Protein backbone atom coordinates (compact mmCIF):
# COMPACT_ATOMS: atom_id res chain seq x y z
CA MET A 1 -47.23 47.65 -17.92
CA ARG A 2 -43.91 47.09 -16.22
CA LEU A 3 -42.45 43.99 -14.63
CA ALA A 4 -39.37 43.91 -12.41
CA THR A 5 -37.74 40.74 -11.13
CA HIS A 6 -35.12 39.98 -8.51
CA THR A 7 -33.48 36.56 -8.35
CA LEU A 8 -31.48 35.17 -5.45
CA GLY A 9 -29.50 31.95 -5.23
CA CYS A 10 -28.51 29.49 -7.91
CA LYS A 11 -28.44 29.65 -11.69
CA LEU A 12 -31.46 27.35 -11.66
CA ASN A 13 -33.45 30.24 -10.19
CA PHE A 14 -32.14 32.60 -12.89
CA ALA A 15 -33.33 30.21 -15.61
CA GLU A 16 -36.77 30.00 -14.00
CA THR A 17 -37.06 33.78 -13.61
CA SER A 18 -36.17 34.23 -17.27
CA HIS A 19 -38.91 31.74 -18.20
CA LEU A 20 -41.43 33.89 -16.32
CA GLN A 21 -40.16 37.10 -17.90
CA LYS A 22 -40.75 35.66 -21.35
CA GLN A 23 -44.34 34.81 -20.38
CA PHE A 24 -45.02 38.38 -19.23
CA GLU A 25 -43.28 39.89 -22.26
CA GLY A 26 -45.58 37.76 -24.40
CA ILE A 27 -48.63 39.67 -23.15
CA GLY A 28 -47.05 43.10 -23.53
CA PHE A 29 -45.13 43.75 -20.33
CA ASN A 30 -41.92 45.74 -20.40
CA ILE A 31 -39.11 44.39 -18.23
CA VAL A 32 -37.55 47.13 -16.11
CA ASP A 33 -34.75 47.22 -13.57
CA TYR A 34 -35.71 46.04 -10.11
CA HIS A 35 -34.84 49.45 -8.65
CA GLN A 36 -37.35 51.18 -10.91
CA LYS A 37 -41.05 51.62 -10.38
CA ALA A 38 -43.02 48.66 -11.72
CA ASP A 39 -46.58 47.33 -11.72
CA ILE A 40 -45.50 43.83 -10.67
CA TYR A 41 -42.42 42.73 -8.75
CA ILE A 42 -41.34 39.09 -8.70
CA ILE A 43 -38.86 37.98 -6.05
CA ASN A 44 -37.53 34.48 -6.78
CA THR A 45 -36.10 33.40 -3.45
CA CYS A 46 -33.42 31.16 -1.98
CA THR A 47 -33.24 29.28 1.31
CA VAL A 48 -29.81 27.65 1.15
CA THR A 49 -28.48 29.79 4.03
CA SER A 50 -29.88 32.18 6.64
CA VAL A 51 -28.03 34.99 4.83
CA ALA A 52 -29.93 34.14 1.64
CA GLU A 53 -33.23 34.36 3.52
CA LYS A 54 -32.26 37.75 4.96
CA LYS A 55 -31.56 39.00 1.43
CA CYS A 56 -34.99 37.73 0.37
CA ARG A 57 -36.73 39.77 3.07
CA THR A 58 -34.69 42.84 2.12
CA ALA A 59 -35.66 42.46 -1.55
CA ILE A 60 -39.34 42.23 -0.61
CA ARG A 61 -39.16 45.44 1.42
CA GLN A 62 -37.33 47.22 -1.41
CA ALA A 63 -40.07 46.33 -3.88
CA ILE A 64 -42.82 47.49 -1.57
CA SER A 65 -41.08 50.80 -0.87
CA GLN A 66 -40.54 51.48 -4.57
CA ASN A 67 -44.23 51.12 -5.36
CA PRO A 68 -46.65 50.36 -2.52
CA ASP A 69 -49.42 49.92 -5.11
CA ALA A 70 -47.57 47.24 -7.07
CA ILE A 71 -48.36 43.55 -7.00
CA ILE A 72 -45.65 41.76 -5.01
CA ALA A 73 -45.14 38.07 -5.85
CA VAL A 74 -42.74 36.04 -3.71
CA ILE A 75 -41.88 32.67 -5.19
CA GLY A 76 -39.29 29.90 -4.94
CA CYS A 77 -37.45 28.09 -2.19
CA PHE A 78 -37.87 30.54 0.71
CA ALA A 79 -41.54 30.79 -0.20
CA GLN A 80 -41.74 27.00 -0.19
CA VAL A 81 -40.34 26.39 3.30
CA ASN A 82 -41.24 29.64 5.09
CA ALA A 83 -44.54 30.76 3.59
CA ALA A 84 -45.95 31.66 7.01
CA GLN A 85 -43.17 34.20 7.55
CA ILE A 86 -43.70 35.80 4.17
CA GLU A 87 -47.48 36.00 4.64
CA LYS A 88 -46.92 38.29 7.61
CA ILE A 89 -45.04 40.90 5.55
CA PRO A 90 -47.53 43.72 4.77
CA GLY A 91 -47.74 44.34 1.04
CA VAL A 92 -47.07 40.82 -0.23
CA ASP A 93 -49.85 39.61 -2.55
CA ILE A 94 -48.76 36.22 -3.87
CA VAL A 95 -46.71 33.47 -2.23
CA LEU A 96 -45.93 30.49 -4.46
CA GLY A 97 -43.80 27.46 -3.77
CA ASN A 98 -41.70 25.71 -6.38
CA ASP A 99 -44.45 23.48 -7.75
CA ARG A 100 -46.59 26.36 -8.99
CA LYS A 101 -44.32 29.33 -9.50
CA HIS A 102 -44.21 28.71 -13.24
CA LEU A 103 -48.01 29.29 -13.17
CA LEU A 104 -47.67 32.78 -11.68
CA LEU A 105 -49.13 34.57 -14.70
CA ASP A 106 -52.23 32.33 -14.75
CA ILE A 107 -52.71 32.74 -10.99
CA LEU A 108 -52.53 36.54 -11.22
CA ILE A 109 -55.19 36.49 -13.92
CA GLU A 110 -57.32 34.00 -11.97
CA HIS A 111 -57.37 36.23 -8.89
CA GLY A 112 -57.94 39.46 -10.80
CA LEU A 113 -54.59 40.91 -9.79
CA LEU A 114 -53.07 41.41 -13.22
CA PRO A 115 -53.05 45.04 -14.37
CA THR A 116 -54.59 45.44 -17.82
CA PRO A 117 -54.49 48.30 -20.36
CA SER A 118 -58.10 49.18 -19.42
CA SER A 119 -57.32 49.03 -15.69
CA PRO A 120 -53.59 49.70 -15.22
CA GLN A 121 -54.02 50.45 -11.52
CA THR A 122 -55.74 47.27 -10.40
CA PRO A 123 -56.16 47.73 -6.64
CA LYS A 124 -54.34 45.48 -4.25
CA PRO A 125 -56.52 43.11 -2.19
CA THR A 126 -57.49 44.53 1.18
CA SER A 127 -60.17 42.23 2.50
CA THR A 128 -57.91 39.96 4.53
CA GLY A 129 -54.58 41.74 4.58
CA HIS A 130 -52.98 38.42 3.59
CA PRO A 131 -51.70 37.06 0.28
CA VAL A 132 -54.54 35.76 -1.86
CA CYS A 133 -52.71 32.60 -2.84
CA VAL A 134 -50.34 30.49 -0.82
CA ASN A 135 -49.04 27.16 -2.09
CA THR A 136 -46.44 25.11 -0.25
CA ASP A 137 -47.29 21.55 -1.28
CA GLU A 138 -44.28 19.34 -1.97
CA PRO A 139 -43.15 20.10 -5.54
CA HIS A 140 -43.86 17.34 -8.05
CA SER A 141 -44.05 19.01 -11.46
CA PHE A 142 -41.13 19.76 -13.74
CA GLN A 143 -40.75 22.63 -16.20
CA LEU A 144 -37.86 22.90 -18.64
CA SER A 145 -36.66 26.51 -18.61
CA TRP A 146 -33.69 28.59 -19.61
CA SER A 147 -32.34 32.11 -19.32
CA GLY A 148 -33.01 34.25 -22.36
CA ASP A 149 -31.31 37.60 -22.12
CA ASP A 150 -28.70 39.02 -24.51
CA ARG A 151 -25.78 37.16 -22.97
CA THR A 152 -23.77 34.69 -24.96
CA ARG A 153 -24.36 32.02 -22.30
CA THR A 154 -27.71 30.42 -21.49
CA PHE A 155 -28.45 28.57 -18.26
CA PHE A 156 -30.62 25.56 -19.10
CA LYS A 157 -32.60 23.87 -16.32
CA ILE A 158 -32.59 20.14 -17.11
CA GLN A 159 -33.36 18.70 -13.65
CA ASP A 160 -34.97 19.68 -10.36
CA GLY A 161 -35.20 18.31 -6.82
CA CYS A 162 -32.99 15.97 -4.83
CA ASP A 163 -33.38 12.60 -3.08
CA TYR A 164 -30.17 12.77 -1.07
CA PHE A 165 -31.35 14.59 2.09
CA CYS A 166 -27.90 15.59 3.32
CA SER A 167 -28.13 16.44 7.00
CA TYR A 168 -27.38 20.16 6.52
CA CYS A 169 -29.51 20.86 3.47
CA ALA A 170 -33.11 22.13 3.21
CA ILE A 171 -33.22 22.04 -0.59
CA PRO A 172 -35.05 18.65 -0.81
CA PHE A 173 -37.81 20.19 1.33
CA ALA A 174 -37.90 23.26 -0.90
CA ARG A 175 -37.48 21.59 -4.28
CA GLY A 176 -38.95 18.11 -3.76
CA ARG A 177 -37.67 14.82 -5.15
CA SER A 178 -35.44 14.49 -8.19
CA ARG A 179 -37.25 14.77 -11.50
CA SER A 180 -36.64 15.82 -15.09
CA ALA A 181 -38.02 15.62 -18.59
CA THR A 182 -36.99 12.83 -20.94
CA ILE A 183 -33.89 12.98 -23.12
CA ASP A 184 -36.02 13.59 -26.22
CA GLN A 185 -37.92 16.45 -24.56
CA THR A 186 -34.73 18.01 -23.22
CA VAL A 187 -32.93 17.82 -26.56
CA ALA A 188 -35.96 19.34 -28.29
CA ALA A 189 -35.80 22.29 -25.87
CA ALA A 190 -32.06 22.62 -26.51
CA ARG A 191 -32.77 22.91 -30.22
CA VAL A 192 -35.15 25.79 -29.47
CA ILE A 193 -32.35 27.44 -27.48
CA ALA A 194 -30.02 26.91 -30.43
CA GLN A 195 -32.42 28.79 -32.72
CA SER A 196 -31.90 31.92 -30.59
CA GLY A 197 -28.24 31.99 -31.58
CA THR A 198 -26.88 31.04 -28.16
CA LYS A 199 -23.32 29.78 -28.44
CA GLU A 200 -22.84 28.30 -24.94
CA VAL A 201 -25.33 26.40 -22.78
CA VAL A 202 -24.77 25.66 -19.09
CA LEU A 203 -26.70 22.63 -17.84
CA THR A 204 -28.20 23.38 -14.43
CA GLY A 205 -30.17 21.46 -11.83
CA VAL A 206 -30.36 20.73 -8.13
CA ASN A 207 -28.74 17.32 -8.52
CA THR A 208 -27.92 17.34 -12.21
CA GLY A 209 -26.34 13.90 -12.39
CA THR A 210 -29.64 12.22 -11.41
CA PHE A 211 -31.22 13.42 -14.65
CA GLY A 212 -33.58 10.87 -16.19
CA GLN A 213 -33.66 8.39 -13.32
CA GLN A 214 -37.48 8.21 -13.20
CA HIS A 215 -37.53 7.55 -16.95
CA GLY A 216 -34.90 4.81 -16.88
CA GLU A 217 -32.46 7.12 -18.69
CA GLN A 218 -28.92 8.21 -17.86
CA PHE A 219 -27.24 11.60 -17.68
CA VAL A 220 -24.35 10.55 -19.93
CA ASP A 221 -26.81 9.58 -22.69
CA LEU A 222 -28.29 13.08 -22.54
CA LEU A 223 -24.79 14.53 -22.95
CA ARG A 224 -24.22 12.39 -26.03
CA GLN A 225 -27.42 13.66 -27.67
CA LEU A 226 -26.77 17.31 -26.81
CA ASP A 227 -23.29 17.08 -28.28
CA LYS A 228 -24.90 16.45 -31.68
CA ILE A 229 -26.51 19.92 -31.78
CA GLU A 230 -23.75 21.50 -33.82
CA SER A 231 -25.14 25.05 -33.76
CA ILE A 232 -24.46 25.14 -30.01
CA LEU A 233 -20.69 25.49 -29.88
CA ARG A 234 -20.14 24.88 -26.16
CA PHE A 235 -21.78 23.09 -23.24
CA ARG A 236 -20.81 23.27 -19.56
CA ILE A 237 -21.99 21.05 -16.72
CA SER A 238 -22.71 23.47 -13.90
CA CYS A 239 -22.49 21.10 -10.92
CA ILE A 240 -22.39 17.34 -10.44
CA GLU A 241 -21.98 15.17 -7.36
CA PRO A 242 -18.68 13.24 -6.92
CA ASN A 243 -20.47 9.89 -6.91
CA LEU A 244 -22.25 10.75 -10.16
CA ILE A 245 -19.36 12.12 -12.21
CA THR A 246 -18.24 8.71 -13.36
CA GLU A 247 -15.22 7.89 -15.47
CA GLU A 248 -17.66 7.33 -18.33
CA VAL A 249 -18.88 10.94 -18.02
CA ILE A 250 -15.32 12.27 -17.73
CA ASP A 251 -14.12 10.27 -20.74
CA PHE A 252 -17.08 11.51 -22.78
CA VAL A 253 -16.35 15.16 -21.97
CA ALA A 254 -12.68 14.69 -22.83
CA ALA A 255 -13.55 13.32 -26.28
CA SER A 256 -16.65 15.37 -27.03
CA ARG A 257 -17.13 18.04 -29.67
CA ALA A 258 -18.67 20.72 -27.43
CA PHE A 259 -18.48 19.84 -23.72
CA LEU A 260 -15.88 21.96 -21.98
CA PRO A 261 -13.09 20.96 -19.55
CA HIS A 262 -14.68 22.74 -16.60
CA PHE A 263 -16.19 20.85 -13.66
CA HIS A 264 -17.96 22.00 -10.51
CA ILE A 265 -17.91 19.18 -7.95
CA PRO A 266 -19.26 19.71 -4.40
CA LEU A 267 -16.84 18.46 -1.76
CA GLN A 268 -18.40 20.10 1.35
CA ALA A 269 -15.74 18.70 3.71
CA GLY A 270 -12.26 17.23 3.41
CA SER A 271 -12.85 14.95 6.40
CA ASP A 272 -14.48 11.52 6.27
CA LYS A 273 -15.81 12.06 9.78
CA VAL A 274 -17.63 15.22 8.76
CA LEU A 275 -18.78 13.79 5.42
CA LYS A 276 -20.39 10.90 7.29
CA MET A 277 -22.17 13.31 9.65
CA MET A 278 -23.33 15.28 6.61
CA HIS A 279 -24.82 12.06 5.13
CA ARG A 280 -22.83 12.55 1.94
CA ARG A 281 -22.61 9.61 -0.48
CA TYR A 282 -18.84 9.48 -0.91
CA ASP A 283 -15.63 9.79 1.05
CA THR A 284 -12.44 11.78 0.50
CA ARG A 285 -10.84 8.88 -1.33
CA LEU A 286 -13.58 8.81 -3.98
CA PHE A 287 -13.52 12.61 -4.36
CA ALA A 288 -9.75 12.63 -4.81
CA SER A 289 -9.96 9.83 -7.37
CA ARG A 290 -12.46 11.82 -9.46
CA VAL A 291 -10.31 14.97 -9.43
CA GLU A 292 -7.17 13.02 -10.26
CA TYR A 293 -8.86 11.16 -13.12
CA ILE A 294 -10.11 14.42 -14.64
CA LYS A 295 -6.59 15.83 -14.53
CA LYS A 296 -5.20 12.64 -16.00
CA VAL A 297 -7.35 12.79 -19.14
CA MET A 298 -7.67 16.62 -19.26
CA PRO A 299 -4.60 18.22 -17.61
CA HIS A 300 -5.85 21.69 -18.56
CA ALA A 301 -9.28 21.22 -16.95
CA CYS A 302 -10.64 23.71 -14.42
CA ILE A 303 -12.16 22.10 -11.30
CA ALA A 304 -14.24 23.99 -8.73
CA ALA A 305 -15.34 22.58 -5.38
CA ASP A 306 -17.96 23.64 -2.83
CA VAL A 307 -16.91 23.56 0.83
CA ILE A 308 -18.92 24.14 4.02
CA THR A 309 -16.96 25.31 7.05
CA GLY A 310 -17.88 24.93 10.70
CA PHE A 311 -20.28 22.01 10.39
CA ASN A 312 -21.19 20.28 13.64
CA GLY A 313 -18.26 18.29 15.01
CA GLU A 314 -15.63 20.01 12.86
CA ASP A 315 -13.09 20.75 15.60
CA GLU A 316 -9.84 22.58 14.88
CA MET A 317 -7.88 19.40 14.15
CA THR A 318 -10.57 18.18 11.75
CA PHE A 319 -10.66 21.55 9.98
CA GLN A 320 -6.89 21.57 9.51
CA GLN A 321 -7.06 18.02 8.11
CA SER A 322 -9.80 19.14 5.72
CA LYS A 323 -7.80 22.18 4.65
CA ALA A 324 -4.71 20.03 4.05
CA PHE A 325 -6.76 17.60 1.95
CA ILE A 326 -8.10 20.42 -0.22
CA ASN A 327 -4.64 21.90 -0.60
CA SER A 328 -3.25 18.55 -1.74
CA LEU A 329 -5.63 18.33 -4.71
CA PRO A 330 -5.34 20.07 -8.11
CA ILE A 331 -8.55 22.03 -7.49
CA SER A 332 -8.71 25.36 -9.36
CA TYR A 333 -10.89 27.36 -6.96
CA LEU A 334 -13.47 27.00 -4.18
CA HIS A 335 -16.97 28.15 -3.33
CA VAL A 336 -16.87 28.51 0.47
CA PHE A 337 -19.93 28.70 2.74
CA PRO A 338 -20.04 28.92 6.54
CA TYR A 339 -22.45 26.33 7.92
CA SER A 340 -25.95 27.67 8.61
CA ASP A 341 -28.74 25.86 10.48
CA ARG A 342 -31.62 25.07 8.15
CA PRO A 343 -35.19 24.23 9.21
CA ASN A 344 -36.27 20.56 9.27
CA THR A 345 -32.74 19.23 8.70
CA ALA A 346 -31.12 16.42 10.67
CA ALA A 347 -28.18 18.67 11.58
CA LEU A 348 -30.42 20.63 13.94
CA ARG A 349 -30.46 17.60 16.26
CA MET A 350 -26.69 17.17 16.28
CA ASP A 351 -24.33 18.21 19.06
CA GLU A 352 -20.87 19.83 18.88
CA LYS A 353 -22.05 23.13 17.44
CA ILE A 354 -19.27 25.40 16.16
CA PRO A 355 -19.45 29.11 17.13
CA VAL A 356 -20.47 31.43 14.32
CA GLU A 357 -17.29 33.51 14.60
CA VAL A 358 -15.22 30.33 14.17
CA ARG A 359 -17.17 29.39 11.04
CA LYS A 360 -16.53 32.83 9.57
CA ALA A 361 -12.82 32.70 10.41
CA ARG A 362 -12.47 29.28 8.76
CA SER A 363 -14.35 30.53 5.71
CA ALA A 364 -11.84 33.36 5.41
CA GLU A 365 -8.97 30.85 5.58
CA LEU A 366 -10.44 28.73 2.82
CA ASN A 367 -11.23 31.77 0.68
CA ASN A 368 -7.55 32.70 0.93
CA LEU A 369 -6.68 29.15 -0.12
CA SER A 370 -9.10 29.49 -3.03
CA HIS A 371 -7.35 32.67 -4.24
CA LEU A 372 -4.02 30.82 -4.08
CA LYS A 373 -5.45 27.84 -5.97
CA ARG A 374 -6.91 30.12 -8.63
CA HIS A 375 -3.57 31.88 -9.08
CA GLN A 376 -1.74 28.55 -9.36
CA PHE A 377 -4.20 27.29 -11.97
CA ILE A 378 -3.89 30.44 -14.07
CA GLU A 379 -0.09 30.30 -13.84
CA SER A 380 -0.22 26.71 -15.12
CA GLN A 381 -2.09 27.92 -18.21
CA MET A 382 0.19 30.84 -19.08
CA GLY A 383 1.43 30.74 -22.65
CA GLN A 384 -1.35 28.42 -23.82
CA THR A 385 -3.77 29.33 -26.57
CA ARG A 386 -7.34 28.42 -25.63
CA SER A 387 -10.69 28.94 -27.32
CA VAL A 388 -12.61 31.98 -26.01
CA LEU A 389 -16.29 32.86 -26.37
CA TRP A 390 -16.37 36.65 -26.66
CA GLU A 391 -19.33 38.45 -25.12
CA HIS A 392 -21.59 41.04 -26.73
CA THR A 393 -21.03 43.55 -23.93
CA GLN A 394 -18.34 46.21 -24.04
CA HIS A 395 -16.38 46.64 -20.82
CA PRO A 396 -14.65 49.89 -19.80
CA ALA A 397 -10.87 49.59 -19.82
CA ASP A 398 -8.09 52.01 -18.94
CA SER A 399 -8.17 53.31 -22.49
CA GLY A 400 -11.27 53.02 -24.64
CA PHE A 401 -13.22 49.78 -24.35
CA ASP A 402 -12.39 46.12 -24.42
CA ILE A 403 -14.26 42.89 -25.03
CA GLN A 404 -14.18 40.02 -22.56
CA GLY A 405 -14.88 36.32 -22.66
CA TRP A 406 -14.26 32.95 -21.02
CA THR A 407 -11.82 30.33 -22.17
CA ASP A 408 -13.06 26.78 -22.45
CA ASN A 409 -11.36 26.05 -19.11
CA TYR A 410 -12.89 29.09 -17.43
CA ILE A 411 -10.28 31.83 -17.41
CA ARG A 412 -11.55 35.32 -18.14
CA LEU A 413 -9.64 37.16 -20.88
CA HIS A 414 -9.95 40.54 -22.60
CA ARG A 415 -8.75 42.19 -25.78
CA PRO A 416 -9.38 45.48 -27.64
CA TYR A 417 -13.01 45.82 -28.60
CA ASP A 418 -13.98 44.51 -32.02
CA PRO A 419 -17.72 44.18 -32.74
CA ALA A 420 -17.01 41.41 -35.23
CA LEU A 421 -15.84 39.20 -32.36
CA SER A 422 -19.05 39.46 -30.31
CA GLY A 423 -20.64 36.04 -29.91
CA SER A 424 -17.82 34.26 -31.71
CA VAL A 425 -15.37 31.64 -30.48
CA THR A 426 -11.75 32.23 -31.39
CA PRO A 427 -8.35 31.04 -30.11
CA TYR A 428 -6.48 33.49 -27.89
CA LEU A 429 -3.25 33.50 -25.93
CA ILE A 430 -3.29 33.46 -22.13
CA ASN A 431 -0.71 35.85 -20.68
CA ASN A 432 -0.44 38.67 -18.16
CA SER A 433 -1.73 41.25 -20.62
CA THR A 434 -4.85 39.28 -21.63
CA ILE A 435 -6.11 38.06 -18.25
CA VAL A 436 -8.84 40.04 -16.51
CA GLU A 437 -7.43 40.57 -13.02
CA ASN A 438 -9.51 39.55 -10.00
CA PHE A 439 -12.35 38.24 -12.12
CA ALA A 440 -15.29 36.69 -10.29
CA CYS A 441 -16.32 33.13 -11.06
CA GLU A 442 -19.99 32.92 -12.06
CA ASP A 443 -20.72 29.20 -11.97
């Protein structure tokens, strides 16, 4: 029995897909590449942009074409908010929103869709021509999960959902309200991860800094407990809102044993006018103060920022002001997204729409700025020796093979391949001969 999965969107989705893979492996499934023939295909979907939704539909069609007799399960955020669209795609068998996707294996068994050794070609349902199970209730449950492949980094889902309801964002409708496990439960799961030999854990969530709020607990207290798991050498915080990355959190990271000087802080706009229209919970002054404080206590820190271009009301003058604000800050690189209308969001009712071609042009400008920022950050680190976690994978180089890894402050380096280095953390010099050129950021 063969299972193939395809994951779109955030690292949270990757952690959840990995959780499902482990369930199927536990009953004897072999995991195969998504482009190979499989008995079951799982497409874990994203709805953050219209482009993401288009990719979801393409992935569904690819799975069906590769094996029309396979079970096709479409789960996740696109399935949550646009189940009716997915139901109409011939060949789809299961549509599950975010509250029940972790129960996919049980649901397949319940509906008699799971191939078994005695009946490896379980026929697809034909009575209605529609998926046998559709669930789009607002998500309420929470499942700790983490990626579990052979990489040296594990993405650990510690939180889900969001209460912020920014005017451009459909994620609260897809993921539900903010929720998490308790600190004790989360630390216990981290200890299980540690037993697998993972050296670096990336904490992921939809709004990670709201961890523990329904339990009366605080995110920074979770960090303190995780830092005590000495067999995990490194922790990263994948993304945290500007209003939630407090000086207390920053000071803890600066003094901690294992938390790394790498921050991903969504800005979205460098204009207070646009931030207000987006219903964001901070202004440019607060964002700048957070970035400046990080650099004050950790001058070597890497700071990423998310930016949306072409939001409603962002005229040319406002965009140039936003660009100048971003350029003035010691940000290391950007994740740039052109604004995309999302269903059920407040932005749909706003005026002053920006043409799509203008959004794309502004995105290109900010991507160019991001490349400049990245170059400036790397130049500032030249000649320093930083700790590097070396990966298990060999990478082709101009001569022979090399081994690659990430510094603590997120610069990708390489050196001649040595199997003894795989999975280890060692100091290494940053210079022109050790940097991997044009490396892609993965956070």
